[in-house]
Amino acid sequence: QISVSVWVKVDEARQSAGFVGCFRNDPLNGGGLGWYLGTSTTSTSFAFVLRGSGSGAAEQLTDTQTTYTEGVWYHVVGTYDGARMILAVDGSVVRSTGAQSGDILYPQSGV
């Protein structure tokens, strides 16, 4: 279980940029291990990425409602209770899913 909260101001858009987390990209092992809260693969929205032990590949929850503006502060929150992932921006839940379950899978080394 995890809850992580950040206040963030993006000065330059970047794809899959983690603000905070413990994640290693691993294309041969379901896309990655661990978790991070940051920007999405599109680089214009926020994302919460996580891989649980009861699931296949890592899940990326992408905020499809908010396109962030560079230089503006946002409050971004990601939570996972072992069964459900939630992504919230500025106090509103923007995405949730039950696609992940179980303990968070972490890399054995190389983080």
C-alpha atoms as a PDB file:
ATOM      1  CA  GLN A   1       0.000   0.000   0.000  1.00  0.00           C
ATOM      2  CA  ILE A   2       1.210   3.458  -0.833  1.00  0.00           C
ATOM      3  CA  SER A   3       0.062   7.061  -0.975  1.00  0.00           C
ATOM      4  CA  VAL A   4       2.320   9.693  -2.455  1.00  0.00           C
ATOM      5  CA  SER A   5       1.621  13.398  -2.817  1.00  0.00           C
ATOM      6  CA  VAL A   6       3.653  16.109  -4.547  1.00  0.00           C
ATOM      7  CA  TRP A   7       3.347  19.766  -5.371  1.00  0.00           C
ATOM      8  CA  VAL A   8       4.959  20.152  -8.772  1.00  0.00           C
ATOM      9  CA  LYS A   9       5.656  22.863 -11.303  1.00  0.00           C
ATOM     10  CA  VAL A  10       6.850  21.504 -14.644  1.00  0.00           C
ATOM     11  CA  ASP A  11       9.269  23.894 -16.330  1.00  0.00           C
ATOM     12  CA  GLU A  12       9.890  21.721 -19.389  1.00  0.00           C
ATOM     13  CA  ALA A  13       7.681  18.892 -20.668  1.00  0.00           C
ATOM     14  CA  ARG A  14       9.364  15.468 -20.749  1.00  0.00           C
ATOM     15  CA  GLN A  15       8.019  11.986 -21.414  1.00  0.00           C
ATOM     16  CA  SER A  16       7.810   9.499 -18.533  1.00  0.00           C
ATOM     17  CA  ALA A  17       9.645  11.805 -16.130  1.00  0.00           C
ATOM     18  CA  GLY A  18       9.276  10.659 -12.531  1.00  0.00           C
ATOM     19  CA  PHE A  19       8.828  13.275  -9.811  1.00  0.00           C
ATOM     20  CA  VAL A  20       9.183  10.617  -7.108  1.00  0.00           C
ATOM     21  CA  GLY A  21       9.325   6.833  -7.107  1.00  0.00           C
ATOM     22  CA  CYS A  22      11.277   3.611  -7.211  1.00  0.00           C
ATOM     23  CA  PHE A  23      10.962   2.223 -10.734  1.00  0.00           C
ATOM     24  CA  ARG A  24      13.090   0.422 -13.276  1.00  0.00           C
ATOM     25  CA  ASN A  25      11.940   0.106 -16.867  1.00  0.00           C
ATOM     26  CA  ASP A  26      12.197  -3.538 -17.899  1.00  0.00           C
ATOM     27  CA  PRO A  27      10.679  -4.301 -21.338  1.00  0.00           C
ATOM     28  CA  LEU A  28      11.441  -8.018 -20.960  1.00  0.00           C
ATOM     29  CA  ASN A  29       9.630  -8.232 -17.627  1.00  0.00           C
ATOM     30  CA  GLY A  30       6.202  -6.705 -18.246  1.00  0.00           C
ATOM     31  CA  GLY A  31       7.287  -3.129 -18.854  1.00  0.00           C
ATOM     32  CA  GLY A  32       8.761  -2.284 -15.476  1.00  0.00           C
ATOM     33  CA  LEU A  33       9.010  -2.927 -11.760  1.00  0.00           C
ATOM     34  CA  GLY A  34       8.155  -0.600  -8.878  1.00  0.00           C
ATOM     35  CA  TRP A  35       6.177   2.641  -9.028  1.00  0.00           C
ATOM     36  CA  TYR A  36       6.506   6.315  -9.884  1.00  0.00           C
ATOM     37  CA  LEU A  37       4.450   9.486  -9.970  1.00  0.00           C
ATOM     38  CA  GLY A  38       5.354  11.858 -12.786  1.00  0.00           C
ATOM     39  CA  THR A  39       4.560  12.703 -16.384  1.00  0.00           C
ATOM     40  CA  SER A  40       2.987  10.322 -18.876  1.00  0.00           C
ATOM     41  CA  THR A  41       4.429   8.933 -22.087  1.00  0.00           C
ATOM     42  CA  THR A  42       2.723  11.820 -23.908  1.00  0.00           C
ATOM     43  CA  SER A  43       4.639  14.310 -21.700  1.00  0.00           C
ATOM     44  CA  THR A  44       1.654  16.678 -21.478  1.00  0.00           C
ATOM     45  CA  SER A  45      -0.217  14.990 -18.642  1.00  0.00           C
ATOM     46  CA  PHE A  46       0.449  13.431 -15.241  1.00  0.00           C
ATOM     47  CA  ALA A  47       0.716   9.692 -14.597  1.00  0.00           C
ATOM     48  CA  PHE A  48       0.900   7.160 -11.760  1.00  0.00           C
ATOM     49  CA  VAL A  49       2.706   3.980 -12.802  1.00  0.00           C
ATOM     50  CA  LEU A  50       2.800   0.785 -10.734  1.00  0.00           C
ATOM     51  CA  ARG A  51       3.230  -2.974 -11.032  1.00  0.00           C
ATOM     52  CA  GLY A  52       1.515  -5.299  -8.572  1.00  0.00           C
ATOM     53  CA  SER A  53       2.405  -8.961  -7.977  1.00  0.00           C
ATOM     54  CA  GLY A  54      -1.055 -10.204  -8.952  1.00  0.00           C
ATOM     55  CA  SER A  55      -1.005  -8.575 -12.375  1.00  0.00           C
ATOM     56  CA  GLY A  56       0.737  -8.817 -15.711  1.00  0.00           C
ATOM     57  CA  ALA A  57       2.469  -5.701 -16.996  1.00  0.00           C
ATOM     58  CA  ALA A  58       2.935  -2.400 -15.199  1.00  0.00           C
ATOM     59  CA  GLU A  59      -0.109  -0.125 -15.344  1.00  0.00           C
ATOM     60  CA  GLN A  60       0.113   3.559 -16.269  1.00  0.00           C
ATOM     61  CA  LEU A  61      -2.788   5.680 -15.076  1.00  0.00           C
ATOM     62  CA  THR A  62      -2.712   8.761 -17.291  1.00  0.00           C
ATOM     63  CA  ASP A  63      -4.666  11.908 -16.502  1.00  0.00           C
ATOM     64  CA  THR A  64      -6.699  12.395 -19.668  1.00  0.00           C
ATOM     65  CA  GLN A  65      -8.618  15.344 -18.201  1.00  0.00           C
ATOM     66  CA  THR A  66      -5.733  17.719 -17.484  1.00  0.00           C
ATOM     67  CA  THR A  67      -3.098  18.937 -19.902  1.00  0.00           C
ATOM     68  CA  TYR A  68      -0.689  20.665 -17.589  1.00  0.00           C
ATOM     69  CA  THR A  69       0.676  24.113 -18.301  1.00  0.00           C
ATOM     70  CA  GLU A  70       4.410  24.671 -17.889  1.00  0.00           C
ATOM     71  CA  GLY A  71       5.234  26.988 -14.985  1.00  0.00           C
ATOM     72  CA  VAL A  72       1.968  26.352 -13.083  1.00  0.00           C
ATOM     73  CA  TRP A  73       1.847  24.567  -9.708  1.00  0.00           C
ATOM     74  CA  TYR A  74      -0.253  21.365  -9.395  1.00  0.00           C
ATOM     75  CA  HIS A  75      -0.982  19.020  -6.497  1.00  0.00           C
ATOM     76  CA  VAL A  76      -0.654  15.435  -7.776  1.00  0.00           C
ATOM     77  CA  VAL A  77      -1.511  12.342  -5.686  1.00  0.00           C
ATOM     78  CA  GLY A  78      -1.193   8.623  -6.390  1.00  0.00           C
ATOM     79  CA  THR A  79      -2.583   5.924  -4.094  1.00  0.00           C
ATOM     80  CA  TYR A  80      -2.618   2.129  -4.202  1.00  0.00           C
ATOM     81  CA  ASP A  81      -4.260  -0.105  -1.599  1.00  0.00           C
ATOM     82  CA  GLY A  82      -3.294  -3.489  -3.039  1.00  0.00           C
ATOM     83  CA  ALA A  83      -6.391  -3.633  -5.231  1.00  0.00           C
ATOM     84  CA  ARG A  84      -7.020  -0.181  -6.698  1.00  0.00           C
ATOM     85  CA  MET A  85      -4.851   2.611  -8.128  1.00  0.00           C
ATOM     86  CA  ILE A  86      -6.047   6.224  -7.962  1.00  0.00           C
ATOM     87  CA  LEU A  87      -4.593   9.361  -9.562  1.00  0.00           C
ATOM     88  CA  ALA A  88      -5.808  12.765  -8.363  1.00  0.00           C
ATOM     89  CA  VAL A  89      -4.870  16.260  -9.545  1.00  0.00           C
ATOM     90  CA  ASP A  90      -5.689  19.393  -7.550  1.00  0.00           C
ATOM     91  CA  GLY A  91      -8.069  17.510  -5.265  1.00  0.00           C
ATOM     92  CA  SER A  92     -10.081  15.699  -7.954  1.00  0.00           C
ATOM     93  CA  VAL A  93      -9.797  12.018  -8.850  1.00  0.00           C
ATOM     94  CA  VAL A  94      -8.963  11.951 -12.549  1.00  0.00           C
ATOM     95  CA  ARG A  95      -8.399   8.203 -13.064  1.00  0.00           C
ATOM     96  CA  SER A  96      -8.717   4.947 -11.147  1.00  0.00           C
ATOM     97  CA  THR A  97      -8.384   1.282 -11.983  1.00  0.00           C
ATOM     98  CA  GLY A  98      -8.498  -2.157 -10.435  1.00  0.00           C
ATOM     99  CA  ALA A  99      -6.090  -3.549 -13.055  1.00  0.00           C
ATOM    100  CA  GLN A 100      -3.294  -4.034 -10.490  1.00  0.00           C
ATOM    101  CA  SER A 101      -3.384  -6.199  -7.384  1.00  0.00           C
ATOM    102  CA  GLY A 102      -1.086  -7.605  -4.727  1.00  0.00           C
ATOM    103  CA  ASP A 103       2.196  -6.347  -3.368  1.00  0.00           C
ATOM    104  CA  ILE A 104       4.204  -3.860  -5.412  1.00  0.00           C
ATOM    105  CA  LEU A 105       6.929  -5.675  -7.361  1.00  0.00           C
ATOM    106  CA  TYR A 106      10.304  -3.991  -6.926  1.00  0.00           C
ATOM    107  CA  PRO A 107      13.530  -4.593  -8.865  1.00  0.00           C
ATOM    108  CA  GLN A 108      16.048  -6.800  -7.063  1.00  0.00           C
ATOM    109  CA  SER A 109      18.854  -4.381  -7.964  1.00  0.00           C
ATOM    110  CA  GLY A 110      19.773  -1.520 -10.237  1.00  0.00           C
ATOM    111  CA  VAL A 111      17.430   1.177  -8.986  1.00  0.00           C
END
